[in-house]
Amino acid sequence: MLLLVLSGAVAPARAQSASRADMIRTEFRIFDGGTEVTAETRLRIRPTGTMEPGRILEGPTLSVELPAGIYDVQAVHQKQERVINVKWAERLVIMEYPDEGGRHLEVINFATGYGALQLRW
């Protein structure tokens, strides 16, 4: 009986530390063509396939701790409280990549035909 009580007390602590270890510092940078508009953009982030409200991020920098997973992101570009553009980025894979040093960068561009390249020294 005592063994059951102890294992019950230890298991939740182990689960909490494992979930913290799975969190990934995720940074979003938003562009409209070649112009960065991160500071003027609001994001709604939610796990793919869910209808939950998700997390909302607002500029000037868009960064959040997320558990590894697949996410849908709604980006809303606003200027002076007027909506300029809305874009959905679907099925973004947020996971720890060995070359990102514990952080993850996602780039969303409102204009089509643009890509992103991250250079690290």
PDB file of N, CA and C in Angstrom:
ATOM      1  N   MET A   1       0.816  -1.201   0.000  1.00  0.00           N
ATOM      2  CA  MET A   1       0.000   0.000   0.000  1.00  0.00           C
ATOM      3  C   MET A   1       0.856   1.260   0.000  1.00  0.00           C
ATOM      4  N   LEU A   2       1.890   1.256   0.806  1.00  0.00           N
ATOM      5  CA  LEU A   2       2.785   2.406   0.856  1.00  0.00           C
ATOM      6  C   LEU A   2       3.497   2.607  -0.480  1.00  0.00           C
ATOM      7  N   LEU A   3       3.862   1.524  -1.134  1.00  0.00           N
ATOM      8  CA  LEU A   3       4.525   1.606  -2.435  1.00  0.00           C
ATOM      9  C   LEU A   3       3.632   2.288  -3.465  1.00  0.00           C
ATOM     10  N   LEU A   4       2.319   2.013  -3.455  1.00  0.00           N
ATOM     11  CA  LEU A   4       1.396   2.643  -4.389  1.00  0.00           C
ATOM     12  C   LEU A   4       1.304   4.143  -4.153  1.00  0.00           C
ATOM     13  N   VAL A   5       1.287   4.548  -2.901  1.00  0.00           N
ATOM     14  CA  VAL A   5       1.204   5.969  -2.580  1.00  0.00           C
ATOM     15  C   VAL A   5       2.464   6.689  -3.056  1.00  0.00           C
ATOM     16  N   LEU A   6       3.623   6.088  -2.845  1.00  0.00           N
ATOM     17  CA  LEU A   6       4.857   6.719  -3.280  1.00  0.00           C
ATOM     18  C   LEU A   6       4.945   6.810  -4.796  1.00  0.00           C
ATOM     19  N   SER A   7       4.608   5.741  -5.507  1.00  0.00           N
ATOM     20  CA  SER A   7       4.694   5.804  -6.960  1.00  0.00           C
ATOM     21  C   SER A   7       3.674   6.789  -7.517  1.00  0.00           C
ATOM     22  N   GLY A   8       2.530   6.932  -6.843  1.00  0.00           N
ATOM     23  CA  GLY A   8       1.555   7.927  -7.275  1.00  0.00           C
ATOM     24  C   GLY A   8       2.075   9.340  -7.070  1.00  0.00           C
ATOM     25  N   ALA A   9       2.866   9.559  -6.020  1.00  0.00           N
ATOM     26  CA  ALA A   9       3.407  10.888  -5.755  1.00  0.00           C
ATOM     27  C   ALA A   9       4.573  11.209  -6.683  1.00  0.00           C
ATOM     28  N   VAL A  10       5.315  10.199  -7.107  1.00  0.00           N
ATOM     29  CA  VAL A  10       6.472  10.435  -7.954  1.00  0.00           C
ATOM     30  C   VAL A  10       6.080  10.604  -9.421  1.00  0.00           C
ATOM     31  N   ALA A  11       5.095   9.879  -9.890  1.00  0.00           N
ATOM     32  CA  ALA A  11       4.719   9.902 -11.309  1.00  0.00           C
ATOM     33  C   ALA A  11       4.344  11.288 -11.819  1.00  0.00           C
ATOM     34  N   PRO A  12       3.518  12.064 -11.097  1.00  0.00           N
ATOM     35  CA  PRO A  12       3.182  13.383 -11.630  1.00  0.00           C
ATOM     36  C   PRO A  12       4.398  14.304 -11.744  1.00  0.00           C
ATOM     37  N   ALA A  13       5.333  14.215 -10.814  1.00  0.00           N
ATOM     38  CA  ALA A  13       6.525  15.056 -10.895  1.00  0.00           C
ATOM     39  C   ALA A  13       7.331  14.707 -12.137  1.00  0.00           C
ATOM     40  N   ARG A  14       7.438  13.435 -12.453  1.00  0.00           N
ATOM     41  CA  ARG A  14       8.157  13.012 -13.645  1.00  0.00           C
ATOM     42  C   ARG A  14       7.449  13.509 -14.907  1.00  0.00           C
ATOM     43  N   ALA A  15       6.120  13.468 -14.934  1.00  0.00           N
ATOM     44  CA  ALA A  15       5.352  13.921 -16.093  1.00  0.00           C
ATOM     45  C   ALA A  15       5.525  15.426 -16.300  1.00  0.00           C
ATOM     46  N   GLN A  16       5.567  16.199 -15.197  1.00  0.00           N
ATOM     47  CA  GLN A  16       5.741  17.642 -15.327  1.00  0.00           C
ATOM     48  C   GLN A  16       7.103  17.981 -15.906  1.00  0.00           C
ATOM     49  N   SER A  17       8.170  17.328 -15.442  1.00  0.00           N
ATOM     50  CA  SER A  17       9.491  17.657 -15.958  1.00  0.00           C
ATOM     51  C   SER A  17       9.629  17.220 -17.407  1.00  0.00           C
ATOM     52  N   ALA A  18       8.985  16.126 -17.794  1.00  0.00           N
ATOM     53  CA  ALA A  18       9.040  15.689 -19.192  1.00  0.00           C
ATOM     54  C   ALA A  18       8.330  16.688 -20.091  1.00  0.00           C
ATOM     55  N   SER A  19       7.212  17.243 -19.641  1.00  0.00           N
ATOM     56  CA  SER A  19       6.494  18.194 -20.481  1.00  0.00           C
ATOM     57  C   SER A  19       7.283  19.492 -20.636  1.00  0.00           C
ATOM     58  N   ARG A  20       7.998  19.909 -19.601  1.00  0.00           N
ATOM     59  CA  ARG A  20       8.831  21.107 -19.727  1.00  0.00           C
ATOM     60  C   ARG A  20       9.979  20.881 -20.700  1.00  0.00           C
ATOM     61  N   ALA A  21      10.520  19.681 -20.691  1.00  0.00           N
ATOM     62  CA  ALA A  21      11.627  19.366 -21.594  1.00  0.00           C
ATOM     63  C   ALA A  21      11.162  19.365 -23.051  1.00  0.00           C
ATOM     64  N   ASP A  22       9.897  19.079 -23.294  1.00  0.00           N
ATOM     65  CA  ASP A  22       9.364  19.033 -24.649  1.00  0.00           C
ATOM     66  C   ASP A  22       8.992  20.408 -25.188  1.00  0.00           C
ATOM     67  N   MET A  23       9.063  21.449 -24.370  1.00  0.00           N
ATOM     68  CA  MET A  23       8.705  22.787 -24.813  1.00  0.00           C
ATOM     69  C   MET A  23       9.811  23.349 -25.711  1.00  0.00           C
ATOM     70  N   ILE A  24       9.402  24.003 -26.784  1.00  0.00           N
ATOM     71  CA  ILE A  24      10.344  24.549 -27.753  1.00  0.00           C
ATOM     72  C   ILE A  24      10.093  26.043 -27.898  1.00  0.00           C
ATOM     73  N   ARG A  25      11.135  26.825 -27.727  1.00  0.00           N
ATOM     74  CA  ARG A  25      11.039  28.277 -27.899  1.00  0.00           C
ATOM     75  C   ARG A  25      10.844  28.546 -29.386  1.00  0.00           C
ATOM     76  N   THR A  26       9.661  29.016 -29.764  1.00  0.00           N
ATOM     77  CA  THR A  26       9.311  29.217 -31.164  1.00  0.00           C
ATOM     78  C   THR A  26       9.176  30.705 -31.445  1.00  0.00           C
ATOM     79  N   GLU A  27       9.897  31.160 -32.454  1.00  0.00           N
ATOM     80  CA  GLU A  27       9.864  32.564 -32.856  1.00  0.00           C
ATOM     81  C   GLU A  27       9.247  32.655 -34.251  1.00  0.00           C
ATOM     82  N   PHE A  28       8.337  33.588 -34.422  1.00  0.00           N
ATOM     83  CA  PHE A  28       7.693  33.823 -35.715  1.00  0.00           C
ATOM     84  C   PHE A  28       8.173  35.149 -36.273  1.00  0.00           C
ATOM     85  N   ARG A  29       8.521  35.168 -37.545  1.00  0.00           N
ATOM     86  CA  ARG A  29       8.829  36.405 -38.260  1.00  0.00           C
ATOM     87  C   ARG A  29       7.894  36.468 -39.446  1.00  0.00           C
ATOM     88  N   ILE A  30       7.267  37.612 -39.630  1.00  0.00           N
ATOM     89  CA  ILE A  30       6.221  37.775 -40.634  1.00  0.00           C
ATOM     90  C   ILE A  30       6.660  38.838 -41.647  1.00  0.00           C
ATOM     91  N   PHE A  31       6.460  38.500 -42.932  1.00  0.00           N
ATOM     92  CA  PHE A  31       6.859  39.398 -44.018  1.00  0.00           C
ATOM     93  C   PHE A  31       5.697  39.614 -44.978  1.00  0.00           C
ATOM     94  N   ASP A  32       5.747  40.749 -45.668  1.00  0.00           N
ATOM     95  CA  ASP A  32       4.877  41.023 -46.800  1.00  0.00           C
ATOM     96  C   ASP A  32       5.818  41.295 -47.962  1.00  0.00           C
ATOM     97  N   GLY A  33       6.106  40.253 -48.726  1.00  0.00           N
ATOM     98  CA  GLY A  33       7.148  40.348 -49.745  1.00  0.00           C
ATOM     99  C   GLY A  33       8.490  40.421 -49.047  1.00  0.00           C
ATOM    100  N   GLY A  34       9.259  41.480 -49.321  1.00  0.00           N
ATOM    101  CA  GLY A  34      10.559  41.664 -48.686  1.00  0.00           C
ATOM    102  C   GLY A  34      10.525  42.548 -47.453  1.00  0.00           C
ATOM    103  N   THR A  35       9.339  43.017 -47.052  1.00  0.00           N
ATOM    104  CA  THR A  35       9.204  43.922 -45.913  1.00  0.00           C
ATOM    105  C   THR A  35       8.757  43.157 -44.680  1.00  0.00           C
ATOM    106  N   GLU A  36       9.509  43.288 -43.596  1.00  0.00           N
ATOM    107  CA  GLU A  36       9.111  42.614 -42.354  1.00  0.00           C
ATOM    108  C   GLU A  36       7.975  43.378 -41.679  1.00  0.00           C
ATOM    109  N   VAL A  37       6.899  42.653 -41.339  1.00  0.00           N
ATOM    110  CA  VAL A  37       5.724  43.259 -40.696  1.00  0.00           C
ATOM    111  C   VAL A  37       5.384  42.545 -39.388  1.00  0.00           C
ATOM    112  N   THR A  38       6.375  41.922 -38.770  1.00  0.00           N
ATOM    113  CA  THR A  38       6.155  41.177 -37.527  1.00  0.00           C
ATOM    114  C   THR A  38       5.496  42.044 -36.459  1.00  0.00           C
ATOM    115  N   ALA A  39       5.968  43.277 -36.293  1.00  0.00           N
ATOM    116  CA  ALA A  39       5.453  44.162 -35.243  1.00  0.00           C
ATOM    117  C   ALA A  39       3.998  44.563 -35.471  1.00  0.00           C
ATOM    118  N   GLU A  40       3.504  44.433 -36.701  1.00  0.00           N
ATOM    119  CA  GLU A  40       2.136  44.835 -37.038  1.00  0.00           C
ATOM    120  C   GLU A  40       1.211  43.633 -37.200  1.00  0.00           C
ATOM    121  N   THR A  41       1.653  42.460 -36.744  1.00  0.00           N
ATOM    122  CA  THR A  41       0.897  41.231 -36.996  1.00  0.00           C
ATOM    123  C   THR A  41       0.468  40.574 -35.695  1.00  0.00           C
ATOM    124  N   ARG A  42      -0.736  40.036 -35.703  1.00  0.00           N
ATOM    125  CA  ARG A  42      -1.277  39.264 -34.585  1.00  0.00           C
ATOM    126  C   ARG A  42      -1.414  37.825 -35.058  1.00  0.00           C
ATOM    127  N   LEU A  43      -1.003  36.870 -34.222  1.00  0.00           N
ATOM    128  CA  LEU A  43      -1.094  35.457 -34.574  1.00  0.00           C
ATOM    129  C   LEU A  43      -2.050  34.721 -33.651  1.00  0.00           C
ATOM    130  N   ARG A  44      -2.757  33.762 -34.222  1.00  0.00           N
ATOM    131  CA  ARG A  44      -3.546  32.803 -33.438  1.00  0.00           C
ATOM    132  C   ARG A  44      -2.961  31.437 -33.771  1.00  0.00           C
ATOM    133  N   ILE A  45      -2.472  30.747 -32.739  1.00  0.00           N
ATOM    134  CA  ILE A  45      -1.798  29.456 -32.921  1.00  0.00           C
ATOM    135  C   ILE A  45      -2.623  28.385 -32.234  1.00  0.00           C
ATOM    136  N   ARG A  46      -2.907  27.305 -32.987  1.00  0.00           N
ATOM    137  CA  ARG A  46      -3.630  26.188 -32.378  1.00  0.00           C
ATOM    138  C   ARG A  46      -3.180  24.876 -32.998  1.00  0.00           C
ATOM    139  N   PRO A  47      -3.271  23.792 -32.225  1.00  0.00           N
ATOM    140  CA  PRO A  47      -2.894  22.489 -32.787  1.00  0.00           C
ATOM    141  C   PRO A  47      -3.739  22.160 -34.011  1.00  0.00           C
ATOM    142  N   THR A  48      -3.111  21.600 -35.036  1.00  0.00           N
ATOM    143  CA  THR A  48      -3.813  21.229 -36.259  1.00  0.00           C
ATOM    144  C   THR A  48      -4.950  20.275 -35.953  1.00  0.00           C
ATOM    145  N   GLY A  49      -6.077  20.483 -36.613  1.00  0.00           N
ATOM    146  CA  GLY A  49      -7.221  19.590 -36.466  1.00  0.00           C
ATOM    147  C   GLY A  49      -8.110  19.896 -35.283  1.00  0.00           C
ATOM    148  N   THR A  50      -7.851  20.973 -34.550  1.00  0.00           N
ATOM    149  CA  THR A  50      -8.692  21.326 -33.411  1.00  0.00           C
ATOM    150  C   THR A  50      -9.433  22.621 -33.708  1.00  0.00           C
ATOM    151  N   MET A  51     -10.487  22.847 -32.978  1.00  0.00           N
ATOM    152  CA  MET A  51     -11.244  24.083 -33.108  1.00  0.00           C
ATOM    153  C   MET A  51     -11.097  24.944 -31.854  1.00  0.00           C
ATOM    154  N   GLU A  52     -10.114  24.597 -31.007  1.00  0.00           N
ATOM    155  CA  GLU A  52      -9.913  25.377 -29.797  1.00  0.00           C
ATOM    156  C   GLU A  52      -9.463  26.790 -30.143  1.00  0.00           C
ATOM    157  N   PRO A  53      -9.702  27.753 -29.259  1.00  0.00           N
ATOM    158  CA  PRO A  53      -9.348  29.143 -29.561  1.00  0.00           C
ATOM    159  C   PRO A  53      -7.855  29.344 -29.800  1.00  0.00           C
ATOM    160  N   GLY A  54      -7.013  28.550 -29.168  1.00  0.00           N
ATOM    161  CA  GLY A  54      -5.577  28.661 -29.364  1.00  0.00           C
ATOM    162  C   GLY A  54      -4.967  29.792 -28.569  1.00  0.00           C
ATOM    163  N   ARG A  55      -3.711  30.071 -28.872  1.00  0.00           N
ATOM    164  CA  ARG A  55      -2.969  31.142 -28.200  1.00  0.00           C
ATOM    165  C   ARG A  55      -2.844  32.318 -29.156  1.00  0.00           C
ATOM    166  N   ILE A  56      -2.952  33.513 -28.606  1.00  0.00           N
ATOM    167  CA  ILE A  56      -2.833  34.723 -29.420  1.00  0.00           C
ATOM    168  C   ILE A  56      -1.531  35.435 -29.051  1.00  0.00           C
ATOM    169  N   LEU A  57      -0.770  35.789 -30.069  1.00  0.00           N
ATOM    170  CA  LEU A  57       0.470  36.545 -29.887  1.00  0.00           C
ATOM    171  C   LEU A  57       0.355  37.856 -30.640  1.00  0.00           C
ATOM    172  N   GLU A  58       0.883  38.927 -30.037  1.00  0.00           N
ATOM    173  CA  GLU A  58       0.910  40.218 -30.714  1.00  0.00           C
ATOM    174  C   GLU A  58       2.306  40.796 -30.624  1.00  0.00           C
ATOM    175  N   GLY A  59       2.708  41.569 -31.663  1.00  0.00           N
ATOM    176  CA  GLY A  59       4.047  42.144 -31.768  1.00  0.00           C
ATOM    177  C   GLY A  59       4.415  43.004 -30.582  1.00  0.00           C
ATOM    178  N   PRO A  60       5.587  43.547 -30.533  1.00  0.00           N
ATOM    179  CA  PRO A  60       6.552  43.701 -31.615  1.00  0.00           C
ATOM    180  C   PRO A  60       7.345  42.432 -31.932  1.00  0.00           C
ATOM    181  N   THR A  61       7.546  41.534 -30.981  1.00  0.00           N
ATOM    182  CA  THR A  61       8.195  40.261 -31.296  1.00  0.00           C
ATOM    183  C   THR A  61       7.196  39.157 -31.014  1.00  0.00           C
ATOM    184  N   LEU A  62       7.203  38.136 -31.831  1.00  0.00           N
ATOM    185  CA  LEU A  62       6.250  37.042 -31.693  1.00  0.00           C
ATOM    186  C   LEU A  62       7.013  35.777 -31.344  1.00  0.00           C
ATOM    187  N   SER A  63       7.067  35.472 -30.057  1.00  0.00           N
ATOM    188  CA  SER A  63       7.760  34.274 -29.642  1.00  0.00           C
ATOM    189  C   SER A  63       7.012  33.651 -28.475  1.00  0.00           C
ATOM    190  N   VAL A  64       7.024  32.307 -28.431  1.00  0.00           N
ATOM    191  CA  VAL A  64       6.237  31.581 -27.445  1.00  0.00           C
ATOM    192  C   VAL A  64       6.859  30.210 -27.219  1.00  0.00           C
ATOM    193  N   GLU A  65       6.653  29.645 -26.034  1.00  0.00           N
ATOM    194  CA  GLU A  65       7.064  28.274 -25.739  1.00  0.00           C
ATOM    195  C   GLU A  65       5.909  27.358 -26.139  1.00  0.00           C
ATOM    196  N   LEU A  66       6.183  26.404 -27.022  1.00  0.00           N
ATOM    197  CA  LEU A  66       5.159  25.468 -27.489  1.00  0.00           C
ATOM    198  C   LEU A  66       5.653  24.035 -27.314  1.00  0.00           C
ATOM    199  N   PRO A  67       4.747  23.121 -26.988  1.00  0.00           N
ATOM    200  CA  PRO A  67       5.146  21.717 -27.015  1.00  0.00           C
ATOM    201  C   PRO A  67       5.324  21.268 -28.461  1.00  0.00           C
ATOM    202  N   ALA A  68       6.202  20.315 -28.677  1.00  0.00           N
ATOM    203  CA  ALA A  68       6.420  19.796 -30.031  1.00  0.00           C
ATOM    204  C   ALA A  68       5.089  19.309 -30.590  1.00  0.00           C
ATOM    205  N   GLY A  69       4.844  19.603 -31.861  1.00  0.00           N
ATOM    206  CA  GLY A  69       3.590  19.191 -32.481  1.00  0.00           C
ATOM    207  C   GLY A  69       3.399  19.857 -33.828  1.00  0.00           C
ATOM    208  N   ILE A  70       2.196  19.701 -34.361  1.00  0.00           N
ATOM    209  CA  ILE A  70       1.838  20.287 -35.649  1.00  0.00           C
ATOM    210  C   ILE A  70       0.754  21.332 -35.396  1.00  0.00           C
ATOM    211  N   TYR A  71       0.952  22.532 -35.935  1.00  0.00           N
ATOM    212  CA  TYR A  71       0.097  23.667 -35.619  1.00  0.00           C
ATOM    213  C   TYR A  71      -0.418  24.363 -36.881  1.00  0.00           C
ATOM    214  N   ASP A  72      -1.592  24.990 -36.728  1.00  0.00           N
ATOM    215  CA  ASP A  72      -2.130  25.910 -37.722  1.00  0.00           C
ATOM    216  C   ASP A  72      -2.014  27.311 -37.133  1.00  0.00           C
ATOM    217  N   VAL A  73      -1.604  28.274 -37.957  1.00  0.00           N
ATOM    218  CA  VAL A  73      -1.408  29.642 -37.483  1.00  0.00           C
ATOM    219  C   VAL A  73      -2.165  30.599 -38.395  1.00  0.00           C
ATOM    220  N   GLN A  74      -2.967  31.454 -37.784  1.00  0.00           N
ATOM    221  CA  GLN A  74      -3.644  32.518 -38.521  1.00  0.00           C
ATOM    222  C   GLN A  74      -2.879  33.810 -38.256  1.00  0.00           C
ATOM    223  N   ALA A  75      -2.393  34.444 -39.320  1.00  0.00           N
ATOM    224  CA  ALA A  75      -1.665  35.702 -39.202  1.00  0.00           C
ATOM    225  C   ALA A  75      -2.556  36.834 -39.711  1.00  0.00           C
ATOM    226  N   VAL A  76      -2.717  37.875 -38.899  1.00  0.00           N
ATOM    227  CA  VAL A  76      -3.536  39.032 -39.269  1.00  0.00           C
ATOM    228  C   VAL A  76      -2.644  40.268 -39.234  1.00  0.00           C
ATOM    229  N   HIS A  77      -2.404  40.857 -40.414  1.00  0.00           N
ATOM    230  CA  HIS A  77      -1.585  42.064 -40.530  1.00  0.00           C
ATOM    231  C   HIS A  77      -2.507  43.266 -40.363  1.00  0.00           C
ATOM    232  N   GLN A  78      -2.204  44.116 -39.381  1.00  0.00           N
ATOM    233  CA  GLN A  78      -3.032  45.282 -39.097  1.00  0.00           C
ATOM    234  C   GLN A  78      -2.193  46.548 -39.097  1.00  0.00           C
ATOM    235  N   LYS A  79      -2.781  47.629 -39.606  1.00  0.00           N
ATOM    236  CA  LYS A  79      -2.175  48.959 -39.520  1.00  0.00           C
ATOM    237  C   LYS A  79      -3.249  49.911 -39.031  1.00  0.00           C
ATOM    238  N   GLN A  80      -2.947  50.606 -37.945  1.00  0.00           N
ATOM    239  CA  GLN A  80      -3.879  51.558 -37.352  1.00  0.00           C
ATOM    240  C   GLN A  80      -5.271  50.939 -37.193  1.00  0.00           C
ATOM    241  N   GLU A  81      -5.309  49.751 -36.595  1.00  0.00           N
ATOM    242  CA  GLU A  81      -6.543  49.012 -36.299  1.00  0.00           C
ATOM    243  C   GLU A  81      -7.326  48.599 -37.542  1.00  0.00           C
ATOM    244  N   ARG A  82      -6.722  48.683 -38.705  1.00  0.00           N
ATOM    245  CA  ARG A  82      -7.355  48.259 -39.954  1.00  0.00           C
ATOM    246  C   ARG A  82      -6.678  46.983 -40.432  1.00  0.00           C
ATOM    247  N   VAL A  83      -7.471  45.973 -40.776  1.00  0.00           N
ATOM    248  CA  VAL A  83      -6.905  44.711 -41.254  1.00  0.00           C
ATOM    249  C   VAL A  83      -6.433  44.897 -42.692  1.00  0.00           C
ATOM    250  N   ILE A  84      -5.138  44.608 -42.910  1.00  0.00           N
ATOM    251  CA  ILE A  84      -4.531  44.728 -44.234  1.00  0.00           C
ATOM    252  C   ILE A  84      -4.564  43.383 -44.954  1.00  0.00           C
ATOM    253  N   ASN A  85      -4.271  42.300 -44.218  1.00  0.00           N
ATOM    254  CA  ASN A  85      -4.149  40.995 -44.830  1.00  0.00           C
ATOM    255  C   ASN A  85      -4.351  39.902 -43.786  1.00  0.00           C
ATOM    256  N   VAL A  86      -4.859  38.759 -44.222  1.00  0.00           N
ATOM    257  CA  VAL A  86      -5.026  37.582 -43.362  1.00  0.00           C
ATOM    258  C   VAL A  86      -4.463  36.385 -44.112  1.00  0.00           C
ATOM    259  N   LYS A  87      -3.698  35.565 -43.411  1.00  0.00           N
ATOM    260  CA  LYS A  87      -3.143  34.362 -44.038  1.00  0.00           C
ATOM    261  C   LYS A  87      -3.138  33.219 -43.034  1.00  0.00           C
ATOM    262  N   TRP A  88      -3.482  32.030 -43.528  1.00  0.00           N
ATOM    263  CA  TRP A  88      -3.394  30.811 -42.732  1.00  0.00           C
ATOM    264  C   TRP A  88      -2.143  30.054 -43.139  1.00  0.00           C
ATOM    265  N   ALA A  89      -1.339  29.682 -42.173  1.00  0.00           N
ATOM    266  CA  ALA A  89      -0.201  28.788 -42.396  1.00  0.00           C
ATOM    267  C   ALA A  89      -0.581  27.481 -41.701  1.00  0.00           C
ATOM    268  N   GLU A  90      -0.772  26.446 -42.483  1.00  0.00           N
ATOM    269  CA  GLU A  90      -1.296  25.188 -41.937  1.00  0.00           C
ATOM    270  C   GLU A  90      -0.209  24.128 -41.838  1.00  0.00           C
ATOM    271  N   ARG A  91      -0.379  23.291 -40.828  1.00  0.00           N
ATOM    272  CA  ARG A  91       0.481  22.127 -40.589  1.00  0.00           C
ATOM    273  C   ARG A  91       1.957  22.497 -40.447  1.00  0.00           C
ATOM    274  N   LEU A  92       2.230  23.503 -39.620  1.00  0.00           N
ATOM    275  CA  LEU A  92       3.605  23.861 -39.311  1.00  0.00           C
ATOM    276  C   LEU A  92       4.143  22.855 -38.290  1.00  0.00           C
ATOM    277  N   VAL A  93       5.264  22.246 -38.586  1.00  0.00           N
ATOM    278  CA  VAL A  93       5.853  21.246 -37.690  1.00  0.00           C
ATOM    279  C   VAL A  93       6.802  21.964 -36.736  1.00  0.00           C
ATOM    280  N   ILE A  94       6.422  21.972 -35.465  1.00  0.00           N
ATOM    281  CA  ILE A  94       7.249  22.583 -34.432  1.00  0.00           C
ATOM    282  C   ILE A  94       7.922  21.433 -33.685  1.00  0.00           C
ATOM    283  N   MET A  95       9.218  21.325 -33.861  1.00  0.00           N
ATOM    284  CA  MET A  95       9.982  20.284 -33.183  1.00  0.00           C
ATOM    285  C   MET A  95      11.402  20.787 -32.994  1.00  0.00           C
ATOM    286  N   GLU A  96      12.150  20.090 -32.170  1.00  0.00           N
ATOM    287  CA  GLU A  96      13.526  20.499 -31.929  1.00  0.00           C
ATOM    288  C   GLU A  96      14.413  19.984 -33.053  1.00  0.00           C
ATOM    289  N   TYR A  97      14.982  20.907 -33.797  1.00  0.00           N
ATOM    290  CA  TYR A  97      15.915  20.563 -34.857  1.00  0.00           C
ATOM    291  C   TYR A  97      17.334  20.732 -34.304  1.00  0.00           C
ATOM    292  N   PRO A  98      18.254  19.823 -34.613  1.00  0.00           N
ATOM    293  CA  PRO A  98      19.587  19.890 -34.016  1.00  0.00           C
ATOM    294  C   PRO A  98      20.369  21.164 -34.346  1.00  0.00           C
ATOM    295  N   ASP A  99      20.106  21.781 -35.481  1.00  0.00           N
ATOM    296  CA  ASP A  99      20.867  22.971 -35.865  1.00  0.00           C
ATOM    297  C   ASP A  99      20.262  24.283 -35.369  1.00  0.00           C
ATOM    298  N   GLU A 100      19.164  24.223 -34.614  1.00  0.00           N
ATOM    299  CA  GLU A 100      18.526  25.466 -34.158  1.00  0.00           C
ATOM    300  C   GLU A 100      18.842  25.809 -32.705  1.00  0.00           C
ATOM    301  N   GLY A 101      19.649  25.011 -32.048  1.00  0.00           N
ATOM    302  CA  GLY A 101      20.095  25.346 -30.690  1.00  0.00           C
ATOM    303  C   GLY A 101      18.977  25.502 -29.681  1.00  0.00           C
ATOM    304  N   GLY A 102      17.949  24.646 -29.735  1.00  0.00           N
ATOM    305  CA  GLY A 102      16.859  24.712 -28.765  1.00  0.00           C
ATOM    306  C   GLY A 102      15.784  25.732 -29.086  1.00  0.00           C
ATOM    307  N   ARG A 103      15.911  26.416 -30.191  1.00  0.00           N
ATOM    308  CA  ARG A 103      14.906  27.394 -30.618  1.00  0.00           C
ATOM    309  C   ARG A 103      14.410  26.984 -31.986  1.00  0.00           C
ATOM    310  N   HIS A 104      13.253  27.495 -32.365  1.00  0.00           N
ATOM    311  CA  HIS A 104      12.695  27.167 -33.668  1.00  0.00           C
ATOM    312  C   HIS A 104      12.166  28.447 -34.308  1.00  0.00           C
ATOM    313  N   LEU A 105      12.459  28.646 -35.581  1.00  0.00           N
ATOM    314  CA  LEU A 105      12.010  29.834 -36.311  1.00  0.00           C
ATOM    315  C   LEU A 105      11.009  29.421 -37.376  1.00  0.00           C
ATOM    316  N   GLU A 106       9.873  30.095 -37.413  1.00  0.00           N
ATOM    317  CA  GLU A 106       8.874  29.938 -38.479  1.00  0.00           C
ATOM    318  C   GLU A 106       8.714  31.284 -39.157  1.00  0.00           C
ATOM    319  N   VAL A 107       8.738  31.280 -40.490  1.00  0.00           N
ATOM    320  CA  VAL A 107       8.579  32.507 -41.267  1.00  0.00           C
ATOM    321  C   VAL A 107       7.306  32.387 -42.092  1.00  0.00           C
ATOM    322  N   ILE A 108       6.463  33.406 -41.992  1.00  0.00           N
ATOM    323  CA  ILE A 108       5.221  33.461 -42.771  1.00  0.00           C
ATOM    324  C   ILE A 108       5.306  34.696 -43.655  1.00  0.00           C
ATOM    325  N   ASN A 109       4.961  34.538 -44.940  1.00  0.00           N
ATOM    326  CA  ASN A 109       4.986  35.666 -45.864  1.00  0.00           C
ATOM    327  C   ASN A 109       3.599  35.820 -46.473  1.00  0.00           C
ATOM    328  N   PHE A 110       3.056  37.033 -46.406  1.00  0.00           N
ATOM    329  CA  PHE A 110       1.740  37.290 -46.978  1.00  0.00           C
ATOM    330  C   PHE A 110       1.768  37.242 -48.506  1.00  0.00           C
ATOM    331  N   ALA A 111       2.908  37.524 -49.110  1.00  0.00           N
ATOM    332  CA  ALA A 111       3.045  37.504 -50.570  1.00  0.00           C
ATOM    333  C   ALA A 111       3.434  36.100 -51.028  1.00  0.00           C
ATOM    334  N   THR A 112       2.902  35.686 -52.161  1.00  0.00           N
ATOM    335  CA  THR A 112       3.257  34.371 -52.695  1.00  0.00           C
ATOM    336  C   THR A 112       4.592  34.453 -53.435  1.00  0.00           C
ATOM    337  N   GLY A 113       5.254  33.309 -53.529  1.00  0.00           N
ATOM    338  CA  GLY A 113       6.499  33.238 -54.275  1.00  0.00           C
ATOM    339  C   GLY A 113       7.730  33.635 -53.489  1.00  0.00           C
ATOM    340  N   TYR A 114       7.612  33.815 -52.191  1.00  0.00           N
ATOM    341  CA  TYR A 114       8.757  34.179 -51.357  1.00  0.00           C
ATOM    342  C   TYR A 114       9.087  33.012 -50.436  1.00  0.00           C
ATOM    343  N   GLY A 115      10.375  32.801 -50.198  1.00  0.00           N
ATOM    344  CA  GLY A 115      10.828  31.770 -49.281  1.00  0.00           C
ATOM    345  C   GLY A 115      11.650  32.400 -48.174  1.00  0.00           C
ATOM    346  N   ALA A 116      12.251  31.557 -47.350  1.00  0.00           N
ATOM    347  CA  ALA A 116      13.057  32.064 -46.243  1.00  0.00           C
ATOM    348  C   ALA A 116      14.308  31.214 -46.112  1.00  0.00           C
ATOM    349  N   LEU A 117      15.392  31.857 -45.726  1.00  0.00           N
ATOM    350  CA  LEU A 117      16.641  31.180 -45.481  1.00  0.00           C
ATOM    351  C   LEU A 117      17.237  31.784 -44.222  1.00  0.00           C
ATOM    352  N   GLN A 118      17.589  30.932 -43.271  1.00  0.00           N
ATOM    353  CA  GLN A 118      18.178  31.421 -42.028  1.00  0.00           C
ATOM    354  C   GLN A 118      19.660  31.070 -42.030  1.00  0.00           C
ATOM    355  N   LEU A 119      20.494  32.094 -41.835  1.00  0.00           N
ATOM    356  CA  LEU A 119      21.929  31.887 -41.781  1.00  0.00           C
ATOM    357  C   LEU A 119      22.394  32.045 -40.349  1.00  0.00           C
ATOM    358  N   ARG A 120      23.196  31.112 -39.875  1.00  0.00           N
ATOM    359  CA  ARG A 120      23.763  31.191 -38.526  1.00  0.00           C
ATOM    360  C   ARG A 120      25.267  31.096 -38.624  1.00  0.00           C
ATOM    361  N   TRP A 121      25.960  31.937 -37.868  1.00  0.00           N
ATOM    362  CA  TRP A 121      27.425  31.912 -37.859  1.00  0.00           C
ATOM    363  C   TRP A 121      27.908  31.038 -36.755  1.00  0.00           C
TER     364      TRP A 121
END
